[in-house]
Every structure is written in structure tokens, then in C-alpha cells.
Amino acid sequence: MTELAELADHLDATDPLAHVRDRFLLPEGVIYLDGNSLGPLPAAVPPVLEDVVHRQWGTDLIRSWNDNDWWESPLRVGDAVGSLIGAAPGQVVAGDSTSVQLYTALSAACELRPDRSLLVTDPEHFPTDRYLADSVARLHGREVRRVAPADLPEFLASHGDRVAVISYSPVDFRTGELHDVIALTSAAHEVGALVLWDLCHAAGAMPVHLDEWEVDFAVGCGYKFLSGGPGAPAFLYAAARHHDSWRTPLHGWTGHAEPFGLHADYAPAAGIARARIGTPPILSLLALEAALTAFDGVDLTQVRAKSLSLTDLFLRCAEDLLVPEGFDPITPSNPDVRASQVSLRHPHAYGLVQALAAEGVIADMRAPDVLRFGVNALYTTHEDVLAACTRLHRTTTTGAYDPTPNRPGAVT
């Protein structure tokens, strides 16, 4: 333990991102390792919301759509997100939920490949991605095939000429395994298929280069590593090369070429703006915009390096303290294929996570038996990691937890 403590102290003392932690309002006495579900509150958000509510809404009223540039916020915030995911301006829009953006992107991709019958998704994808793949396939007369990323090249060798779109995530949300976006995108393009990437567990956590990687579509949420707040708007990326030909499935008034012309028939706006649907959620959009300032001056290569340092330490602590107590790390030890979390299997995962929360360590679990510990290089310290592992070891060895499985409907 002394060696691990000294290592954690050294790594924190030499951390080039240590100062960024002050950009978040972290509760005293809490070790927060659940930012891969909901990011903590950035310090920039409360004063912005105070101004939006009391001045922009309270005083300026409806004039704020013009005077405070509310109307352009989906595109402006979209470009701010785009700067973190390697997208040139004019290719990202922010608004609606991840599910809505997934539906839009999947439908548009199917429309661009009308003669291809297959929609491919990951059998281990997050449930909403799988549900929406089924929904879009049903509505567009396509067939869903569930193919693990590792098996995609073999599948494409036999069925590639039938594949319209492949929907994957760079990160397995349960295990934290990192997939090869470049290789999988290239494999899809070689057979003429399009690719949609769900960046919920990647945007803000690591360098992403959508334009450089020639990705077709991408979506992501605003409330995990971007820390935009609960239910923060999601984003949609559509590569500029598709802008002249793509069709969105939901023709809302704000996506019209002349939204205030109030025309009888729909005419799509140019470019990414046609993906706008309804009236923008201004409070949440401007909260997200303020949250993104936490990345000002931050090098995402340093974020990635620190993330790996944190998860390296966590896995080392787990090997020393937790594996002997029955925990099974399922996150890859190879840093090249590891994202920003560590996941451990244990039959009493739910009870242990609840007991940890009572000890000031907030993590989460995924059914049936996975404890997840998310790290965010902007505010997580190596001391946090060591303390979390130490408390989990103590909780387990003393039996100070309830082994009862989680009840249906409980948020985990």
C-alpha cells in the first residue's frame, strides 16, 4: 500500500492537467467515478444559467432569439462540440436526445443506400442503439444483423454488398474495451457501406478525428464526459460530403430552409441545419455551451494520457487488493484497447456500489454483475483511484454491504 500511495502522489504531483479540476464544483468528501454516466457540474454553468434565466429570459424575453443569439445556438454549440471530435465547422448540430439523433442518422444513412438490405449493429451495443436499429430497419424495410466489431471483416467478406450502414460505438459501455474506429470505418467503406459511430463514451474523453477518419455520421450525448448536465442535448455529425444528398426523417419547422416563411410544404435547410427539428431547448443548450468551456486550452492527447494513467493505476490496485477478494477485471489491460473506465465483475455488484456510495465513492453498476468506475482526466486524481480501491477492499472484506440484488426499476 505504501508503494501504491507514493506512486499516486507522484503521478498527481506531475499531472499537467491538475489545474483543470478547479473548473468543476465537486462536492467535498466525495470521490466521483461516475462521470461516464453523468458528468459533474462545471463551475462555468451556474452563472451562465443565472444570466439566461434572469436577464435573457426574464428581461429580454422573446427578443433573446435575436439579441442573445438563441436561434443559432444549436449550430453554435454543435461547432463547439465539433472542435472536440475533429469536425470542421458546419457539420455538427446540438439538440434533441441521443435516441432522436440516432434515429435521424440511421434513417438518413439507409436513404443514402436504398438498394442495400442490411443494417449492422453490435450485439453488445447500448440498448437504445439496438432498439433504434430494429425500429429504423422495420420502417425502412431492412434487416438487422448483429455482428461484433471483431467479426465485421469476415461478415463483410460474405455480405458486404448488401450492407447499407454499420452502427457501432468506439467503446463497449460495459467493459470499456476500445474498438478501432479507423479500421472498421475503412472496412465498411471498402464494400460501399456507411458508418455511424455513437460517441457517448468517447467525446471529450480522448482525441477523435471524424473528418480525418472519413466517418459518415456520428452522434453523442452532452451529459457524460462533456458534463452538460442531466438530459443535456445530444449532437449529430453528418460529413459535409453527404450534405447535398442526405434526407432527414423528421421534418420539423426549424429545419426548414425558411423557418419563418411558414410555407405549406417542407424545403430542407442547407447542410447540417436540416437536422434541426423543433424549438431548441435553450436552457439546456446554453448550459452545455458553458460546460464545454472546461476544455478551453486542454490538449486531448494529454487527456488520453492521463486517462490511461488513471486506469493503469486502478487495474494495478485491483490486481493487488480486489482480485484476491473475488473481483474479476473485465476491462482490457492493454492500453491501446482501453477507454476511460475500469469494470469489475462481482456477484454482489449492486450492493457493493451502494455501500461505496455510503462511503463517499460514487460509481455505478450494470446488470447483472458489473461495477463500473469511470475516470475523467479533467478532474479525477490518482489519489481518488487509490482511495476508491482501498474502500472497496475494506467494504468487501468486512462484509459491510447488502448482497441483495437490485430491485427492478431502480437507477443503477
Protein backbone atom coordinates (compact mmCIF):
# COMPACT_ATOMS: atom_id res chain seq x y z
CA MET A 1 0.00 0.00 0.00
CA THR A 2 2.86 2.40 0.76
CA GLU A 3 4.25 1.86 -2.73
CA LEU A 4 0.86 2.49 -4.33
CA ALA A 5 0.32 5.62 -2.23
CA GLU A 6 3.71 7.00 -3.21
CA LEU A 7 3.01 6.27 -6.85
CA ALA A 8 -0.37 8.02 -6.71
CA ASP A 9 1.20 11.06 -5.01
CA HIS A 10 3.92 11.25 -7.64
CA LEU A 11 1.51 10.97 -10.55
CA ASP A 12 -0.73 13.69 -9.14
CA ALA A 13 2.22 15.96 -8.42
CA THR A 14 3.38 15.76 -12.04
CA ASP A 15 -0.09 15.95 -13.63
CA PRO A 16 -0.19 18.68 -16.32
CA LEU A 17 -3.99 18.78 -16.08
CA ALA A 18 -4.21 19.16 -12.30
CA HIS A 19 -5.34 22.79 -12.53
CA VAL A 20 -8.39 21.86 -14.63
CA ARG A 21 -10.01 20.17 -11.62
CA ASP A 22 -10.81 23.66 -10.29
CA ARG A 23 -13.18 24.13 -13.24
CA PHE A 24 -15.64 21.73 -11.59
CA LEU A 25 -17.77 22.12 -8.47
CA LEU A 26 -17.05 18.77 -6.86
CA PRO A 27 -18.74 18.01 -3.52
CA GLU A 28 -16.42 17.97 -0.55
CA GLY A 29 -15.58 14.47 0.65
CA VAL A 30 -16.89 12.72 -2.48
CA ILE A 31 -14.83 10.65 -4.91
CA TYR A 32 -16.78 10.84 -8.15
CA LEU A 33 -16.15 7.94 -10.53
CA ASP A 34 -19.44 8.03 -12.40
CA GLY A 35 -18.76 10.81 -14.89
CA ASN A 36 -19.17 8.27 -17.67
CA SER A 37 -22.88 8.32 -16.74
CA LEU A 38 -23.34 11.94 -15.62
CA GLY A 39 -20.54 14.47 -15.55
CA PRO A 40 -20.22 16.74 -12.51
CA LEU A 41 -21.19 20.41 -12.51
CA PRO A 42 -18.69 22.71 -14.25
CA ALA A 43 -18.12 25.98 -12.41
CA ALA A 44 -18.95 27.97 -15.55
CA VAL A 45 -22.54 26.72 -15.73
CA PRO A 46 -24.36 28.35 -12.75
CA PRO A 47 -23.52 31.98 -13.64
CA VAL A 48 -24.49 31.40 -17.27
CA LEU A 49 -27.83 29.90 -16.28
CA GLU A 50 -28.37 32.74 -13.82
CA ASP A 51 -27.93 35.21 -16.68
CA VAL A 52 -30.05 33.19 -19.12
CA VAL A 53 -32.95 32.89 -16.68
CA HIS A 54 -32.97 36.37 -15.16
CA ARG A 55 -31.67 38.64 -17.92
CA GLN A 56 -32.06 36.89 -21.24
CA TRP A 57 -35.42 35.27 -20.48
CA GLY A 58 -36.65 37.43 -17.60
CA THR A 59 -35.79 40.85 -19.05
CA ASP A 60 -35.10 40.45 -22.76
CA LEU A 61 -37.96 37.98 -23.22
CA ILE A 62 -38.66 36.88 -26.80
CA ARG A 63 -36.13 39.38 -28.14
CA SER A 64 -33.41 36.99 -26.96
CA TRP A 65 -33.93 34.77 -30.00
CA ASN A 66 -32.14 37.53 -31.91
CA ASP A 67 -30.49 39.79 -29.35
CA ASN A 68 -28.84 36.94 -27.43
CA ASP A 69 -28.47 34.67 -30.47
CA TRP A 70 -30.67 31.90 -29.12
CA TRP A 71 -31.76 30.97 -32.63
CA GLU A 72 -28.28 29.97 -33.76
CA SER A 73 -27.42 28.08 -30.56
CA PRO A 74 -27.92 24.53 -32.00
CA LEU A 75 -25.35 25.25 -34.71
CA ARG A 76 -23.03 27.30 -32.49
CA VAL A 77 -22.96 24.66 -29.75
CA GLY A 78 -22.66 22.00 -32.43
CA ASP A 79 -19.50 23.63 -33.74
CA ALA A 80 -18.13 23.81 -30.18
CA VAL A 81 -18.66 20.06 -29.81
CA GLY A 82 -17.23 19.60 -33.29
CA SER A 83 -13.94 21.13 -32.17
CA LEU A 84 -13.59 18.26 -29.67
CA ILE A 85 -14.37 15.49 -32.17
CA GLY A 86 -12.34 16.58 -35.16
CA ALA A 87 -15.18 18.07 -37.18
CA ALA A 88 -14.77 21.24 -39.23
CA PRO A 89 -17.48 23.87 -38.67
CA GLY A 90 -20.89 23.31 -40.21
CA GLN A 91 -21.11 19.54 -39.68
CA VAL A 92 -22.47 19.19 -36.13
CA VAL A 93 -25.81 20.23 -34.67
CA ALA A 94 -26.75 20.07 -30.98
CA GLY A 95 -30.25 19.41 -29.69
CA ASP A 96 -32.79 16.67 -29.01
CA SER A 97 -31.77 13.40 -27.35
CA THR A 98 -29.23 10.77 -28.36
CA SER A 99 -32.11 8.48 -29.32
CA VAL A 100 -33.59 11.09 -31.68
CA GLN A 101 -30.18 11.77 -33.21
CA LEU A 102 -29.58 8.04 -33.68
CA TYR A 103 -32.92 7.71 -35.43
CA THR A 104 -32.10 10.65 -37.69
CA ALA A 105 -28.64 9.37 -38.61
CA LEU A 106 -29.67 5.74 -39.16
CA SER A 107 -32.62 6.76 -41.30
CA ALA A 108 -30.54 9.16 -43.37
CA ALA A 109 -27.88 6.51 -43.91
CA CYS A 110 -30.47 3.98 -45.07
CA GLU A 111 -31.88 6.56 -47.50
CA LEU A 112 -28.40 7.04 -48.96
CA ARG A 113 -28.10 3.31 -49.63
CA PRO A 114 -31.60 2.44 -50.90
CA ASP A 115 -30.60 -0.77 -52.69
CA ARG A 116 -28.91 -2.41 -49.70
CA SER A 117 -30.92 -4.54 -47.32
CA LEU A 118 -28.79 -4.92 -44.18
CA LEU A 119 -28.29 -2.69 -41.14
CA VAL A 120 -25.44 -3.96 -38.95
CA THR A 121 -25.11 -3.25 -35.26
CA ASP A 122 -23.13 -4.61 -32.31
CA PRO A 123 -24.86 -7.29 -30.22
CA GLU A 124 -23.24 -5.65 -27.16
CA HIS A 125 -24.29 -2.13 -28.14
CA PHE A 126 -26.10 0.05 -25.61
CA PRO A 127 -29.78 -0.97 -25.63
CA THR A 128 -31.15 2.22 -27.22
CA ASP A 129 -28.76 1.77 -30.17
CA ARG A 130 -30.04 -1.76 -30.71
CA TYR A 131 -33.69 -0.82 -30.24
CA LEU A 132 -33.43 2.04 -32.73
CA ALA A 133 -31.61 -0.13 -35.25
CA ASP A 134 -34.58 -2.51 -35.10
CA SER A 135 -37.04 0.38 -35.39
CA VAL A 136 -35.33 2.00 -38.36
CA ALA A 137 -34.91 -1.34 -40.11
CA ARG A 138 -38.60 -2.09 -39.70
CA LEU A 139 -39.66 1.30 -41.04
CA HIS A 140 -37.25 1.18 -43.98
CA GLY A 141 -37.77 -2.46 -44.87
CA ARG A 142 -34.25 -3.51 -43.88
CA GLU A 143 -32.91 -6.46 -41.90
CA VAL A 144 -30.75 -6.07 -38.79
CA ARG A 145 -27.68 -8.23 -38.37
CA ARG A 146 -25.90 -8.21 -35.02
CA VAL A 147 -22.18 -8.55 -35.66
CA ALA A 148 -19.43 -7.95 -33.10
CA PRO A 149 -16.78 -5.47 -34.27
CA ALA A 150 -14.12 -8.18 -34.19
CA ASP A 151 -16.20 -10.26 -36.60
CA LEU A 152 -17.02 -7.46 -39.03
CA PRO A 153 -14.28 -8.12 -41.65
CA GLU A 154 -15.37 -11.74 -42.03
CA PHE A 155 -19.03 -10.73 -42.22
CA LEU A 156 -18.33 -8.10 -44.86
CA ALA A 157 -16.38 -10.58 -46.94
CA SER A 158 -19.60 -12.57 -47.37
CA HIS A 159 -22.33 -9.92 -47.14
CA GLY A 160 -20.65 -6.57 -47.72
CA ASP A 161 -22.51 -5.75 -50.93
CA ARG A 162 -25.80 -5.94 -49.02
CA VAL A 163 -24.83 -3.68 -46.08
CA ALA A 164 -26.28 -0.16 -46.04
CA VAL A 165 -24.98 1.10 -42.70
CA ILE A 166 -22.96 -0.14 -39.76
CA SER A 167 -23.79 1.30 -36.32
CA TYR A 168 -21.09 0.89 -33.66
CA SER A 169 -19.60 2.64 -30.66
CA PRO A 170 -15.84 3.11 -30.18
CA VAL A 171 -16.30 1.99 -26.57
CA ASP A 172 -18.06 -1.03 -25.10
CA PHE A 173 -20.14 0.62 -22.38
CA ARG A 174 -19.91 -2.38 -20.06
CA THR A 175 -16.25 -3.41 -20.35
CA GLY A 176 -14.54 -0.23 -21.52
CA GLU A 177 -12.98 -2.02 -24.49
CA LEU A 178 -11.93 0.41 -27.22
CA HIS A 179 -12.62 -0.56 -30.83
CA ASP A 180 -10.59 0.51 -33.87
CA VAL A 181 -12.67 3.26 -35.48
CA ILE A 182 -10.26 3.79 -38.36
CA ALA A 183 -10.01 0.13 -39.37
CA LEU A 184 -13.74 -0.56 -39.04
CA THR A 185 -14.71 2.59 -40.95
CA SER A 186 -12.27 1.70 -43.72
CA ALA A 187 -13.60 -1.87 -43.91
CA ALA A 188 -17.14 -0.57 -44.28
CA HIS A 189 -16.20 1.90 -46.99
CA GLU A 190 -14.35 -0.75 -48.96
CA VAL A 191 -17.68 -2.51 -49.56
CA GLY A 192 -19.63 0.70 -50.12
CA ALA A 193 -21.37 0.82 -46.72
CA LEU A 194 -21.79 3.86 -44.50
CA VAL A 195 -20.80 4.03 -40.83
CA LEU A 196 -22.46 5.64 -37.81
CA TRP A 197 -20.46 5.96 -34.60
CA ASP A 198 -22.04 6.55 -31.18
CA LEU A 199 -19.51 8.74 -29.34
CA CYS A 200 -21.26 8.91 -25.96
CA HIS A 201 -18.27 7.32 -24.20
CA ALA A 202 -15.61 8.91 -26.41
CA ALA A 203 -16.40 12.60 -26.97
CA GLY A 204 -14.35 14.63 -24.51
CA ALA A 205 -12.54 11.56 -23.18
CA MET A 206 -10.00 11.04 -25.97
CA PRO A 207 -8.89 12.52 -29.28
CA VAL A 208 -11.47 11.92 -32.03
CA HIS A 209 -10.87 12.91 -35.66
CA LEU A 210 -14.11 12.37 -37.55
CA ASP A 211 -13.13 14.30 -40.68
CA GLU A 212 -9.68 12.73 -40.87
CA TRP A 213 -11.13 9.24 -40.34
CA GLU A 214 -13.74 9.85 -43.07
CA VAL A 215 -16.62 8.93 -40.77
CA ASP A 216 -20.07 9.35 -42.34
CA PHE A 217 -22.28 10.01 -39.30
CA ALA A 218 -21.77 10.24 -35.56
CA VAL A 219 -23.92 11.02 -32.54
CA GLY A 220 -23.25 11.51 -28.87
CA CYS A 221 -24.72 12.81 -25.64
CA GLY A 222 -23.86 16.01 -23.82
CA TYR A 223 -24.07 14.76 -20.25
CA LYS A 224 -21.21 12.29 -19.81
CA PHE A 225 -17.65 13.45 -20.48
CA LEU A 226 -18.92 16.81 -21.78
CA SER A 227 -20.62 17.49 -18.40
CA GLY A 228 -23.55 19.38 -19.89
CA GLY A 229 -25.95 18.31 -17.15
CA PRO A 230 -28.71 15.70 -16.74
CA GLY A 231 -30.52 15.20 -20.03
CA ALA A 232 -28.19 17.63 -21.82
CA PRO A 233 -28.77 17.91 -25.58
CA ALA A 234 -27.14 15.34 -27.81
CA PHE A 235 -25.28 16.07 -31.03
CA LEU A 236 -25.33 14.80 -34.59
CA TYR A 237 -22.42 14.88 -37.04
CA ALA A 238 -23.01 14.46 -40.76
CA ALA A 239 -19.95 14.63 -43.01
CA ALA A 240 -20.09 17.56 -45.43
CA ARG A 241 -19.78 15.22 -48.43
CA HIS A 242 -23.31 13.97 -47.69
CA HIS A 243 -24.95 17.37 -47.28
CA ASP A 244 -26.19 17.68 -50.84
CA SER A 245 -27.92 14.29 -50.84
CA TRP A 246 -28.96 13.30 -47.33
CA ARG A 247 -32.58 13.36 -46.23
CA THR A 248 -33.62 13.56 -42.60
CA PRO A 249 -36.68 11.60 -41.45
CA LEU A 250 -38.24 14.22 -39.15
CA HIS A 251 -39.13 17.41 -40.98
CA GLY A 252 -39.55 19.94 -38.19
CA TRP A 253 -40.11 23.62 -38.77
CA THR A 254 -36.68 24.73 -37.58
CA GLY A 255 -35.03 22.52 -40.18
CA HIS A 256 -36.82 24.33 -43.00
CA ALA A 257 -34.84 26.48 -45.41
CA GLU A 258 -37.07 29.43 -44.40
CA PRO A 259 -38.49 28.57 -40.99
CA PHE A 260 -40.23 31.91 -40.55
CA GLY A 261 -41.64 31.87 -44.06
CA LEU A 262 -44.30 29.48 -42.74
CA HIS A 263 -44.59 27.73 -46.09
CA ALA A 264 -47.14 24.98 -46.67
CA ASP A 265 -44.53 22.47 -47.85
CA TYR A 266 -41.20 21.45 -46.38
CA ALA A 267 -37.98 22.53 -48.05
CA PRO A 268 -34.84 21.40 -46.19
CA ALA A 269 -32.27 23.87 -44.96
CA ALA A 270 -28.80 23.56 -46.38
CA GLY A 271 -26.21 21.36 -44.72
CA ILE A 272 -26.40 20.27 -41.11
CA ALA A 273 -29.16 22.79 -40.30
CA ARG A 274 -31.76 20.49 -41.86
CA ALA A 275 -31.21 18.14 -38.88
CA ARG A 276 -32.84 20.73 -36.62
CA ILE A 277 -36.36 19.60 -35.76
CA GLY A 278 -38.25 21.58 -33.11
CA THR A 279 -37.74 24.67 -31.00
CA PRO A 280 -34.29 24.48 -29.35
CA PRO A 281 -34.13 23.71 -25.58
CA ILE A 282 -32.37 26.95 -24.75
CA LEU A 283 -31.68 26.44 -21.04
CA SER A 284 -30.01 23.08 -21.55
CA LEU A 285 -28.23 24.12 -24.75
CA LEU A 286 -26.64 27.13 -23.08
CA ALA A 287 -25.73 25.07 -20.03
CA LEU A 288 -23.92 22.66 -22.35
CA GLU A 289 -22.20 25.54 -24.12
CA ALA A 290 -20.92 26.86 -20.80
CA ALA A 291 -19.82 23.37 -19.73
CA LEU A 292 -17.70 22.98 -22.84
CA THR A 293 -15.50 25.88 -21.71
CA ALA A 294 -13.94 23.43 -19.25
CA PHE A 295 -11.98 22.18 -22.27
CA ASP A 296 -10.51 25.61 -23.08
CA GLY A 297 -6.77 25.24 -23.59
CA VAL A 298 -6.91 21.49 -22.89
CA ASP A 299 -4.96 19.11 -25.13
CA LEU A 300 -7.00 15.95 -25.67
CA THR A 301 -3.81 13.93 -26.12
CA GLN A 302 -2.95 14.85 -22.52
CA VAL A 303 -6.49 13.88 -21.50
CA ARG A 304 -5.99 10.48 -23.10
CA ALA A 305 -2.57 10.01 -21.50
CA LYS A 306 -3.87 10.84 -18.03
CA SER A 307 -6.94 8.66 -18.51
CA LEU A 308 -4.67 5.70 -19.25
CA SER A 309 -2.51 6.54 -16.25
CA LEU A 310 -5.59 6.56 -14.01
CA THR A 311 -6.92 3.27 -15.35
CA ASP A 312 -3.45 1.72 -15.23
CA LEU A 313 -3.29 2.53 -11.53
CA PHE A 314 -6.83 1.28 -10.97
CA LEU A 315 -6.07 -2.06 -12.61
CA ARG A 316 -2.87 -2.39 -10.58
CA CYS A 317 -4.76 -1.66 -7.35
CA ALA A 318 -7.45 -4.12 -8.39
CA GLU A 319 -4.90 -6.85 -9.00
CA ASP A 320 -3.34 -6.32 -5.57
CA LEU A 321 -6.43 -5.61 -3.47
CA LEU A 322 -9.58 -6.81 -5.22
CA VAL A 323 -8.84 -9.88 -7.34
CA PRO A 324 -7.97 -11.87 -4.19
CA GLU A 325 -11.46 -10.94 -2.87
CA GLY A 326 -13.31 -12.37 -5.87
CA PHE A 327 -13.37 -9.44 -8.29
CA ASP A 328 -12.76 -10.10 -11.97
CA PRO A 329 -11.47 -7.15 -14.05
CA ILE A 330 -13.10 -7.25 -17.50
CA THR A 331 -11.55 -4.04 -18.83
CA PRO A 332 -8.62 -4.72 -21.18
CA SER A 333 -5.19 -4.44 -19.62
CA ASN A 334 -3.79 -3.40 -23.00
CA PRO A 335 -3.92 0.42 -23.01
CA ASP A 336 -4.33 0.52 -26.78
CA VAL A 337 -7.80 -1.00 -26.47
CA ARG A 338 -8.90 0.54 -23.16
CA ALA A 339 -11.18 3.54 -22.79
CA SER A 340 -11.79 5.73 -19.73
CA GLN A 341 -13.25 3.25 -17.26
CA VAL A 342 -12.47 0.13 -15.31
CA SER A 343 -15.13 -2.54 -14.95
CA LEU A 344 -15.10 -5.35 -12.42
CA ARG A 345 -17.38 -8.36 -12.19
CA HIS A 346 -18.66 -9.44 -8.79
CA PRO A 347 -21.86 -11.31 -7.91
CA HIS A 348 -22.80 -8.60 -5.38
CA ALA A 349 -22.13 -5.64 -7.67
CA TYR A 350 -25.28 -3.71 -6.76
CA GLY A 351 -24.83 -3.97 -3.00
CA LEU A 352 -21.16 -3.06 -3.22
CA VAL A 353 -21.85 0.04 -5.29
CA GLN A 354 -24.49 1.15 -2.79
CA ALA A 355 -22.10 0.58 0.12
CA LEU A 356 -19.36 2.52 -1.65
CA ALA A 357 -21.71 5.46 -2.14
CA ALA A 358 -22.30 5.49 1.61
CA GLU A 359 -18.51 5.66 1.99
CA GLY A 360 -18.27 8.68 -0.31
CA VAL A 361 -17.27 6.84 -3.51
CA ILE A 362 -19.79 7.17 -6.33
CA ALA A 363 -19.58 4.60 -9.10
CA ASP A 364 -22.29 2.59 -10.86
CA MET A 365 -23.22 -0.95 -11.85
CA ARG A 366 -24.57 -2.56 -14.98
CA ALA A 367 -26.73 -5.64 -14.75
CA PRO A 368 -26.24 -8.27 -13.78
CA ASP A 369 -22.85 -8.11 -12.05
CA VAL A 370 -20.60 -5.31 -13.33
CA LEU A 371 -19.21 -2.47 -11.20
CA ARG A 372 -18.10 0.46 -13.40
CA PHE A 373 -15.61 3.13 -12.38
CA GLY A 374 -15.36 5.99 -14.86
CA VAL A 375 -12.39 8.33 -14.81
CA ASN A 376 -12.27 11.80 -16.32
CA ALA A 377 -8.81 13.28 -16.69
CA LEU A 378 -10.18 16.79 -16.20
CA TYR A 379 -10.93 16.20 -12.51
CA THR A 380 -10.16 12.63 -11.37
CA THR A 381 -6.95 12.20 -9.40
CA HIS A 382 -4.77 9.17 -8.83
CA GLU A 383 -5.45 9.60 -5.14
CA ASP A 384 -9.15 9.22 -5.94
CA VAL A 385 -8.44 5.90 -7.67
CA LEU A 386 -6.37 4.51 -4.81
CA ALA A 387 -8.90 5.62 -2.19
CA ALA A 388 -11.77 4.04 -4.14
CA CYS A 389 -9.98 0.70 -4.42
CA THR A 390 -8.98 0.80 -0.76
CA ARG A 391 -12.56 1.47 0.39
CA LEU A 392 -13.94 -1.23 -1.90
CA HIS A 393 -11.43 -3.69 -0.46
CA ARG A 394 -12.43 -2.74 3.10
CA THR A 395 -16.14 -2.94 2.33
CA THR A 396 -15.74 -6.39 0.80
CA THR A 397 -13.50 -7.89 3.47
CA THR A 398 -15.66 -6.62 6.31
CA GLY A 399 -18.91 -7.68 4.63
CA ALA A 400 -20.31 -4.18 5.19
CA TYR A 401 -22.81 -4.33 2.34
CA ASP A 402 -26.17 -5.83 1.45
CA PRO A 403 -25.83 -8.71 -1.06
CA THR A 404 -29.48 -8.42 -2.12
CA PRO A 405 -29.80 -7.90 -5.90
CA ASN A 406 -31.07 -4.56 -7.13
CA ARG A 407 -34.82 -4.16 -7.29
CA PRO A 408 -36.46 -3.70 -10.71
CA GLY A 409 -36.78 -0.08 -11.73
CA ALA A 410 -34.01 1.27 -9.54
CA VAL A 411 -31.48 3.58 -11.19
CA THR A 412 -28.10 1.88 -11.12
